[in-house]
């Protein structure tokens, strides 16, 4: 399972405003313009949706996360120095 999310965001270059189409590489593609408020909200909302989906997948596949089992321990002491 990949934890990487790709969304390609480009400036609007033409009159045809594309929102949420896919590229041949599998990226979602959004033409946006902050100046003209074109697809900014839609792009942000889609990115949040993708991140939430990935987080949900991670919770479903990692039992330590859902059971609260510790996966790493932090200590106050420094690690032992190598001797030699």
PDB file of N, CA and C in Angstrom:
ATOM      1  N   UNK A   1       0.851  -1.180   0.000  1.00  0.00           N
ATOM      2  CA  UNK A   1       0.000   0.000   0.000  1.00  0.00           C
ATOM      3  C   UNK A   1       0.893   1.238   0.000  1.00  0.00           C
ATOM      4  N   UNK A   2       0.584   2.144  -0.879  1.00  0.00           N
ATOM      5  CA  UNK A   2       1.351   3.380  -0.990  1.00  0.00           C
ATOM      6  C   UNK A   2       0.708   4.461  -0.139  1.00  0.00           C
ATOM      7  N   UNK A   3       1.543   5.187   0.603  1.00  0.00           N
ATOM      8  CA  UNK A   3       1.052   6.294   1.419  1.00  0.00           C
ATOM      9  C   UNK A   3       1.236   7.620   0.697  1.00  0.00           C
ATOM     10  N   UNK A   4       1.576   7.576  -0.577  1.00  0.00           N
ATOM     11  CA  UNK A   4       1.844   8.790  -1.335  1.00  0.00           C
ATOM     12  C   UNK A   4       0.618   9.158  -2.163  1.00  0.00           C
ATOM     13  N   UNK A   5       0.252  10.419  -2.104  1.00  0.00           N
ATOM     14  CA  UNK A   5      -0.877  10.935  -2.878  1.00  0.00           C
ATOM     15  C   UNK A   5      -0.334  11.968  -3.846  1.00  0.00           C
ATOM     16  N   UNK A   6      -0.665  11.824  -5.126  1.00  0.00           N
ATOM     17  CA  UNK A   6      -0.236  12.776  -6.138  1.00  0.00           C
ATOM     18  C   UNK A   6      -1.429  13.512  -6.704  1.00  0.00           C
ATOM     19  N   UNK A   7      -1.366  14.814  -6.685  1.00  0.00           N
ATOM     20  CA  UNK A   7      -2.318  15.662  -7.394  1.00  0.00           C
ATOM     21  C   UNK A   7      -1.482  16.697  -8.138  1.00  0.00           C
ATOM     22  N   UNK A   8      -1.683  16.776  -9.430  1.00  0.00           N
ATOM     23  CA  UNK A   8      -0.972  17.751 -10.240  1.00  0.00           C
ATOM     24  C   UNK A   8      -1.825  19.005 -10.337  1.00  0.00           C
ATOM     25  N   UNK A   9      -1.299  20.118  -9.842  1.00  0.00           N
ATOM     26  CA  UNK A   9      -2.019  21.392  -9.860  1.00  0.00           C
ATOM     27  C   UNK A   9      -1.235  22.345 -10.750  1.00  0.00           C
ATOM     28  N   UNK A  10      -1.920  22.865 -11.774  1.00  0.00           N
ATOM     29  CA  UNK A  10      -1.267  23.783 -12.708  1.00  0.00           C
ATOM     30  C   UNK A  10      -2.081  25.060 -12.821  1.00  0.00           C
ATOM     31  N   UNK A  11      -1.451  26.128 -13.253  1.00  0.00           N
ATOM     32  CA  UNK A  11      -2.220  27.349 -13.508  1.00  0.00           C
ATOM     33  C   UNK A  11      -3.169  27.143 -14.680  1.00  0.00           C
ATOM     34  N   UNK A  12      -4.270  27.851 -14.686  1.00  0.00           N
ATOM     35  CA  UNK A  12      -5.209  27.792 -15.795  1.00  0.00           C
ATOM     36  C   UNK A  12      -4.528  28.421 -17.004  1.00  0.00           C
ATOM     37  N   UNK A  13      -4.459  27.650 -18.087  1.00  0.00           N
ATOM     38  CA  UNK A  13      -3.781  28.139 -19.288  1.00  0.00           C
ATOM     39  C   UNK A  13      -4.719  28.341 -20.460  1.00  0.00           C
ATOM     40  N   UNK A  14      -5.957  27.906 -20.304  1.00  0.00           N
ATOM     41  CA  UNK A  14      -6.893  28.037 -21.416  1.00  0.00           C
ATOM     42  C   UNK A  14      -8.278  28.343 -20.866  1.00  0.00           C
ATOM     43  N   UNK A  15      -9.235  28.472 -21.758  1.00  0.00           N
ATOM     44  CA  UNK A  15     -10.610  28.729 -21.343  1.00  0.00           C
ATOM     45  C   UNK A  15     -11.315  27.470 -20.873  1.00  0.00           C
ATOM     46  N   UNK A  16     -10.782  26.304 -21.211  1.00  0.00           N
ATOM     47  CA  UNK A  16     -11.415  25.052 -20.781  1.00  0.00           C
ATOM     48  C   UNK A  16     -10.865  24.686 -19.413  1.00  0.00           C
ATOM     49  N   UNK A  17     -11.642  24.899 -18.386  1.00  0.00           N
ATOM     50  CA  UNK A  17     -11.211  24.631 -17.014  1.00  0.00           C
ATOM     51  C   UNK A  17     -11.449  23.167 -16.691  1.00  0.00           C
ATOM     52  N   UNK A  18     -10.371  22.429 -16.541  1.00  0.00           N
ATOM     53  CA  UNK A  18     -10.446  21.003 -16.247  1.00  0.00           C
ATOM     54  C   UNK A  18     -10.387  20.828 -14.742  1.00  0.00           C
ATOM     55  N   UNK A  19     -11.274  20.035 -14.208  1.00  0.00           N
ATOM     56  CA  UNK A  19     -11.278  19.794 -12.768  1.00  0.00           C
ATOM     57  C   UNK A  19     -11.346  18.309 -12.501  1.00  0.00           C
ATOM     58  N   UNK A  20     -10.326  17.787 -11.853  1.00  0.00           N
ATOM     59  CA  UNK A  20     -10.366  16.409 -11.400  1.00  0.00           C
ATOM     60  C   UNK A  20     -10.187  15.362 -12.469  1.00  0.00           C
ATOM     61  N   UNK A  21      -9.624  15.691 -13.611  1.00  0.00           N
ATOM     62  CA  UNK A  21      -9.401  14.662 -14.615  1.00  0.00           C
ATOM     63  C   UNK A  21      -8.118  13.910 -14.281  1.00  0.00           C
ATOM     64  N   UNK A  22      -7.914  12.772 -14.921  1.00  0.00           N
ATOM     65  CA  UNK A  22      -6.733  11.956 -14.648  1.00  0.00           C
ATOM     66  C   UNK A  22      -5.715  12.109 -15.759  1.00  0.00           C
ATOM     67  N   UNK A  23      -4.458  12.062 -15.382  1.00  0.00           N
ATOM     68  CA  UNK A  23      -3.390  12.090 -16.367  1.00  0.00           C
ATOM     69  C   UNK A  23      -3.022  10.653 -16.724  1.00  0.00           C
ATOM     70  N   UNK A  24      -2.272  10.449 -17.806  1.00  0.00           N
ATOM     71  CA  UNK A  24      -1.850   9.095 -18.158  1.00  0.00           C
ATOM     72  C   UNK A  24      -0.995   8.432 -17.074  1.00  0.00           C
ATOM     73  N   UNK A  25      -0.323   9.225 -16.237  1.00  0.00           N
ATOM     74  CA  UNK A  25       0.507   8.681 -15.167  1.00  0.00           C
ATOM     75  C   UNK A  25      -0.313   8.316 -13.927  1.00  0.00           C
ATOM     76  N   UNK A  26      -1.602   8.587 -13.946  1.00  0.00           N
ATOM     77  CA  UNK A  26      -2.459   8.248 -12.814  1.00  0.00           C
ATOM     78  C   UNK A  26      -2.639   9.373 -11.812  1.00  0.00           C
ATOM     79  N   UNK A  27      -2.053  10.539 -12.079  1.00  0.00           N
ATOM     80  CA  UNK A  27      -2.242  11.685 -11.192  1.00  0.00           C
ATOM     81  C   UNK A  27      -3.602  12.300 -11.448  1.00  0.00           C
ATOM     82  N   UNK A  28      -4.179  12.859 -10.419  1.00  0.00           N
ATOM     83  CA  UNK A  28      -5.360  13.684 -10.646  1.00  0.00           C
ATOM     84  C   UNK A  28      -4.865  15.063 -11.046  1.00  0.00           C
ATOM     85  N   UNK A  29      -5.555  15.686 -11.979  1.00  0.00           N
ATOM     86  CA  UNK A  29      -5.085  16.918 -12.585  1.00  0.00           C
ATOM     87  C   UNK A  29      -6.098  18.027 -12.359  1.00  0.00           C
ATOM     88  N   UNK A  30      -5.648  19.144 -11.823  1.00  0.00           N
ATOM     89  CA  UNK A  30      -6.518  20.290 -11.593  1.00  0.00           C
ATOM     90  C   UNK A  30      -5.854  21.537 -12.152  1.00  0.00           C
ATOM     91  N   UNK A  31      -6.565  22.262 -12.986  1.00  0.00           N
ATOM     92  CA  UNK A  31      -6.128  23.599 -13.385  1.00  0.00           C
ATOM     93  C   UNK A  31      -6.736  24.562 -12.380  1.00  0.00           C
ATOM     94  N   UNK A  32      -5.909  25.383 -11.779  1.00  0.00           N
ATOM     95  CA  UNK A  32      -6.402  26.283 -10.739  1.00  0.00           C
ATOM     96  C   UNK A  32      -5.932  27.706 -10.990  1.00  0.00           C
ATOM     97  N   UNK A  33      -6.635  28.626 -10.374  1.00  0.00           N
ATOM     98  CA  UNK A  33      -6.221  30.025 -10.363  1.00  0.00           C
ATOM     99  C   UNK A  33      -6.655  30.621  -9.035  1.00  0.00           C
ATOM    100  N   UNK A  34      -5.688  30.931  -8.189  1.00  0.00           N
ATOM    101  CA  UNK A  34      -6.015  31.585  -6.923  1.00  0.00           C
ATOM    102  C   UNK A  34      -6.528  33.004  -7.192  1.00  0.00           C
ATOM    103  N   UNK A  35      -5.970  33.644  -8.205  1.00  0.00           N
ATOM    104  CA  UNK A  35      -6.367  35.014  -8.538  1.00  0.00           C
ATOM    105  C   UNK A  35      -7.845  35.090  -8.918  1.00  0.00           C
ATOM    106  N   UNK A  36      -8.292  34.139  -9.751  1.00  0.00           N
ATOM    107  CA  UNK A  36      -9.682  34.133 -10.215  1.00  0.00           C
ATOM    108  C   UNK A  36     -10.562  33.152  -9.444  1.00  0.00           C
ATOM    109  N   UNK A  37     -10.000  32.519  -8.418  1.00  0.00           N
ATOM    110  CA  UNK A  37     -10.718  31.549  -7.582  1.00  0.00           C
ATOM    111  C   UNK A  37     -11.328  30.415  -8.429  1.00  0.00           C
ATOM    112  N   UNK A  38     -10.499  29.815  -9.260  1.00  0.00           N
ATOM    113  CA  UNK A  38     -10.935  28.715 -10.117  1.00  0.00           C
ATOM    114  C   UNK A  38     -10.359  27.409  -9.577  1.00  0.00           C
ATOM    115  N   UNK A  39     -11.225  26.494  -9.184  1.00  0.00           N
ATOM    116  CA  UNK A  39     -10.887  25.139  -8.738  1.00  0.00           C
ATOM    117  C   UNK A  39     -10.006  25.079  -7.483  1.00  0.00           C
ATOM    118  N   UNK A  40      -9.833  26.155  -6.768  1.00  0.00           N
ATOM    119  CA  UNK A  40      -9.005  26.133  -5.562  1.00  0.00           C
ATOM    120  C   UNK A  40      -9.682  25.294  -4.483  1.00  0.00           C
ATOM    121  N   UNK A  41     -10.934  25.560  -4.212  1.00  0.00           N
ATOM    122  CA  UNK A  41     -11.663  24.821  -3.181  1.00  0.00           C
ATOM    123  C   UNK A  41     -11.795  23.348  -3.568  1.00  0.00           C
ATOM    124  N   UNK A  42     -12.122  23.058  -4.820  1.00  0.00           N
ATOM    125  CA  UNK A  42     -12.286  21.677  -5.269  1.00  0.00           C
ATOM    126  C   UNK A  42     -10.984  20.888  -5.138  1.00  0.00           C
ATOM    127  N   UNK A  43      -9.876  21.524  -5.481  1.00  0.00           N
ATOM    128  CA  UNK A  43      -8.580  20.866  -5.375  1.00  0.00           C
ATOM    129  C   UNK A  43      -8.243  20.562  -3.919  1.00  0.00           C
ATOM    130  N   UNK A  44      -8.430  21.534  -3.054  1.00  0.00           N
ATOM    131  CA  UNK A  44      -8.154  21.342  -1.636  1.00  0.00           C
ATOM    132  C   UNK A  44      -9.035  20.241  -1.057  1.00  0.00           C
ATOM    133  N   UNK A  45     -10.327  20.272  -1.366  1.00  0.00           N
ATOM    134  CA  UNK A  45     -11.248  19.257  -0.835  1.00  0.00           C
ATOM    135  C   UNK A  45     -10.885  17.864  -1.339  1.00  0.00           C
ATOM    136  N   UNK A  46     -10.476  17.742  -2.599  1.00  0.00           N
ATOM    137  CA  UNK A  46     -10.091  16.434  -3.128  1.00  0.00           C
ATOM    138  C   UNK A  46      -8.839  15.928  -2.445  1.00  0.00           C
ATOM    139  N   UNK A  47      -7.876  16.803  -2.208  1.00  0.00           N
ATOM    140  CA  UNK A  47      -6.655  16.411  -1.509  1.00  0.00           C
ATOM    141  C   UNK A  47      -6.967  15.942  -0.097  1.00  0.00           C
ATOM    142  N   UNK A  48      -7.831  16.648   0.610  1.00  0.00           N
ATOM    143  CA  UNK A  48      -8.230  16.239   1.958  1.00  0.00           C
ATOM    144  C   UNK A  48      -8.921  14.874   1.918  1.00  0.00           C
ATOM    145  N   UNK A  49      -9.802  14.660   0.935  1.00  0.00           N
ATOM    146  CA  UNK A  49     -10.475  13.361   0.795  1.00  0.00           C
ATOM    147  C   UNK A  49      -9.461  12.238   0.586  1.00  0.00           C
ATOM    148  N   UNK A  50      -8.476  12.460  -0.282  1.00  0.00           N
ATOM    149  CA  UNK A  50      -7.467  11.436  -0.538  1.00  0.00           C
ATOM    150  C   UNK A  50      -6.638  11.139   0.705  1.00  0.00           C
ATOM    151  N   UNK A  51      -6.266  12.177   1.444  1.00  0.00           N
ATOM    152  CA  UNK A  51      -5.493  11.979   2.668  1.00  0.00           C
ATOM    153  C   UNK A  51      -6.308  11.202   3.695  1.00  0.00           C
ATOM    154  N   UNK A  52      -7.578  11.541   3.849  1.00  0.00           N
ATOM    155  CA  UNK A  52      -8.444  10.818   4.795  1.00  0.00           C
ATOM    156  C   UNK A  52      -8.600   9.362   4.389  1.00  0.00           C
ATOM    157  N   UNK A  53      -8.735   9.093   3.094  1.00  0.00           N
ATOM    158  CA  UNK A  53      -8.828   7.711   2.617  1.00  0.00           C
ATOM    159  C   UNK A  53      -7.564   6.933   2.953  1.00  0.00           C
ATOM    160  N   UNK A  54      -6.401   7.537   2.713  1.00  0.00           N
ATOM    161  CA  UNK A  54      -5.131   6.873   3.020  1.00  0.00           C
ATOM    162  C   UNK A  54      -4.984   6.631   4.523  1.00  0.00           C
ATOM    163  N   UNK A  55      -5.409   7.590   5.336  1.00  0.00           N
ATOM    164  CA  UNK A  55      -5.337   7.415   6.790  1.00  0.00           C
ATOM    165  C   UNK A  55      -6.261   6.284   7.236  1.00  0.00           C
ATOM    166  N   UNK A  56      -7.436   6.201   6.646  1.00  0.00           N
ATOM    167  CA  UNK A  56      -8.383   5.137   6.974  1.00  0.00           C
ATOM    168  C   UNK A  56      -7.811   3.776   6.592  1.00  0.00           C
ATOM    169  N   UNK A  57      -7.190   3.681   5.415  1.00  0.00           N
ATOM    170  CA  UNK A  57      -6.551   2.435   4.990  1.00  0.00           C
ATOM    171  C   UNK A  57      -5.453   2.045   5.961  1.00  0.00           C
ATOM    172  N   UNK A  58      -4.691   3.032   6.418  1.00  0.00           N
ATOM    173  CA  UNK A  58      -3.608   2.767   7.357  1.00  0.00           C
ATOM    174  C   UNK A  58      -4.152   2.235   8.677  1.00  0.00           C
ATOM    175  N   UNK A  59      -5.233   2.810   9.160  1.00  0.00           N
ATOM    176  CA  UNK A  59      -5.847   2.343  10.401  1.00  0.00           C
ATOM    177  C   UNK A  59      -6.383   0.926  10.249  1.00  0.00           C
ATOM    178  N   UNK A  60      -6.948   0.619   9.078  1.00  0.00           N
ATOM    179  CA  UNK A  60      -7.496  -0.711   8.841  1.00  0.00           C
ATOM    180  C   UNK A  60      -6.413  -1.769   8.737  1.00  0.00           C
ATOM    181  N   UNK A  61      -5.236  -1.417   8.228  1.00  0.00           N
ATOM    182  CA  UNK A  61      -4.190  -2.407   7.988  1.00  0.00           C
ATOM    183  C   UNK A  61      -3.175  -2.523   9.119  1.00  0.00           C
ATOM    184  N   UNK A  62      -3.141  -1.598  10.061  1.00  0.00           N
ATOM    185  CA  UNK A  62      -2.159  -1.633  11.142  1.00  0.00           C
ATOM    186  C   UNK A  62      -2.867  -1.822  12.471  1.00  0.00           C
ATOM    187  N   UNK A  63      -2.907  -3.054  12.979  1.00  0.00           N
ATOM    188  CA  UNK A  63      -3.641  -3.293  14.231  1.00  0.00           C
ATOM    189  C   UNK A  63      -3.070  -2.543  15.429  1.00  0.00           C
ATOM    190  N   UNK A  64      -1.784  -2.211  15.410  1.00  0.00           N
ATOM    191  CA  UNK A  64      -1.192  -1.482  16.537  1.00  0.00           C
ATOM    192  C   UNK A  64      -1.817  -0.106  16.687  1.00  0.00           C
ATOM    193  N   UNK A  65      -2.226   0.494  15.577  1.00  0.00           N
ATOM    194  CA  UNK A  65      -2.819   1.828  15.624  1.00  0.00           C
ATOM    195  C   UNK A  65      -4.201   1.768  16.257  1.00  0.00           C
ATOM    196  N   UNK A  66      -5.000   0.775  15.886  1.00  0.00           N
ATOM    197  CA  UNK A  66      -6.373   0.698  16.387  1.00  0.00           C
ATOM    198  C   UNK A  66      -6.458   0.154  17.801  1.00  0.00           C
ATOM    199  N   UNK A  67      -5.491  -0.668  18.227  1.00  0.00           N
ATOM    200  CA  UNK A  67      -5.534  -1.233  19.578  1.00  0.00           C
ATOM    201  C   UNK A  67      -4.811  -0.367  20.588  1.00  0.00           C
ATOM    202  N   UNK A  68      -4.071   0.591  20.119  1.00  0.00           N
ATOM    203  CA  UNK A  68      -3.330   1.457  21.017  1.00  0.00           C
ATOM    204  C   UNK A  68      -2.033   0.829  21.496  1.00  0.00           C
ATOM    205  N   UNK A  69      -1.606  -0.264  20.882  1.00  0.00           N
ATOM    206  CA  UNK A  69      -0.354  -0.906  21.261  1.00  0.00           C
ATOM    207  C   UNK A  69       0.815  -0.004  20.893  1.00  0.00           C
ATOM    208  N   UNK A  70       1.766   0.135  21.803  1.00  0.00           N
ATOM    209  CA  UNK A  70       2.904   1.007  21.498  1.00  0.00           C
ATOM    210  C   UNK A  70       3.766   0.406  20.387  1.00  0.00           C
ATOM    211  N   UNK A  71       4.217   1.238  19.485  1.00  0.00           N
ATOM    212  CA  UNK A  71       5.078   0.774  18.408  1.00  0.00           C
ATOM    213  C   UNK A  71       6.517   1.236  18.593  1.00  0.00           C
ATOM    214  N   UNK A  72       6.742   2.217  19.426  1.00  0.00           N
ATOM    215  CA  UNK A  72       8.091   2.700  19.700  1.00  0.00           C
ATOM    216  C   UNK A  72       8.126   3.195  21.132  1.00  0.00           C
ATOM    217  N   UNK A  73       9.284   3.033  21.757  1.00  0.00           N
ATOM    218  CA  UNK A  73       9.432   3.492  23.131  1.00  0.00           C
ATOM    219  C   UNK A  73      10.442   4.624  23.185  1.00  0.00           C
ATOM    220  N   UNK A  74      10.096   5.665  23.881  1.00  0.00           N
ATOM    221  CA  UNK A  74      10.998   6.784  24.095  1.00  0.00           C
ATOM    222  C   UNK A  74      11.533   6.696  25.511  1.00  0.00           C
ATOM    223  N   UNK A  75      12.798   6.988  25.671  1.00  0.00           N
ATOM    224  CA  UNK A  75      13.389   6.950  27.001  1.00  0.00           C
ATOM    225  C   UNK A  75      14.071   8.282  27.285  1.00  0.00           C
ATOM    226  N   UNK A  76      14.290   8.533  28.572  1.00  0.00           N
ATOM    227  CA  UNK A  76      14.975   9.756  28.973  1.00  0.00           C
ATOM    228  C   UNK A  76      16.488   9.584  28.959  1.00  0.00           C
ATOM    229  N   UNK A  77      16.953   8.356  28.901  1.00  0.00           N
ATOM    230  CA  UNK A  77      18.404   8.138  28.952  1.00  0.00           C
ATOM    231  C   UNK A  77      18.993   8.098  27.544  1.00  0.00           C
ATOM    232  N   UNK A  78      20.244   8.512  27.451  1.00  0.00           N
ATOM    233  CA  UNK A  78      20.946   8.509  26.169  1.00  0.00           C
ATOM    234  C   UNK A  78      21.327   7.075  25.809  1.00  0.00           C
ATOM    235  N   UNK A  79      21.427   6.775  24.538  1.00  0.00           N
ATOM    236  CA  UNK A  79      21.855   5.431  24.139  1.00  0.00           C
ATOM    237  C   UNK A  79      23.296   5.205  24.570  1.00  0.00           C
ATOM    238  N   UNK A  80      23.651   3.949  24.787  1.00  0.00           N
ATOM    239  CA  UNK A  80      25.047   3.671  25.224  1.00  0.00           C
ATOM    240  C   UNK A  80      26.041   4.070  24.136  1.00  0.00           C
ATOM    241  N   UNK A  81      27.178   4.602  24.583  1.00  0.00           N
ATOM    242  CA  UNK A  81      28.240   4.993  23.652  1.00  0.00           C
ATOM    243  C   UNK A  81      29.018   3.774  23.225  1.00  0.00           C
ATOM    244  N   UNK A  82      29.465   3.728  21.971  1.00  0.00           N
ATOM    245  CA  UNK A  82      30.271   2.596  21.514  1.00  0.00           C
ATOM    246  C   UNK A  82      31.615   2.580  22.242  1.00  0.00           C
ATOM    247  N   UNK A  83      32.067   1.412  22.568  1.00  0.00           N
ATOM    248  CA  UNK A  83      33.365   1.276  23.262  1.00  0.00           C
ATOM    249  C   UNK A  83      34.428   0.891  22.247  1.00  0.00           C
ATOM    250  N   UNK A  84      35.622   1.237  22.538  1.00  0.00           N
ATOM    251  CA  UNK A  84      36.668   0.781  21.624  1.00  0.00           C
ATOM    252  C   UNK A  84      37.788   1.671  21.418  1.00  0.00           C
TER     253      UNK A  84
END
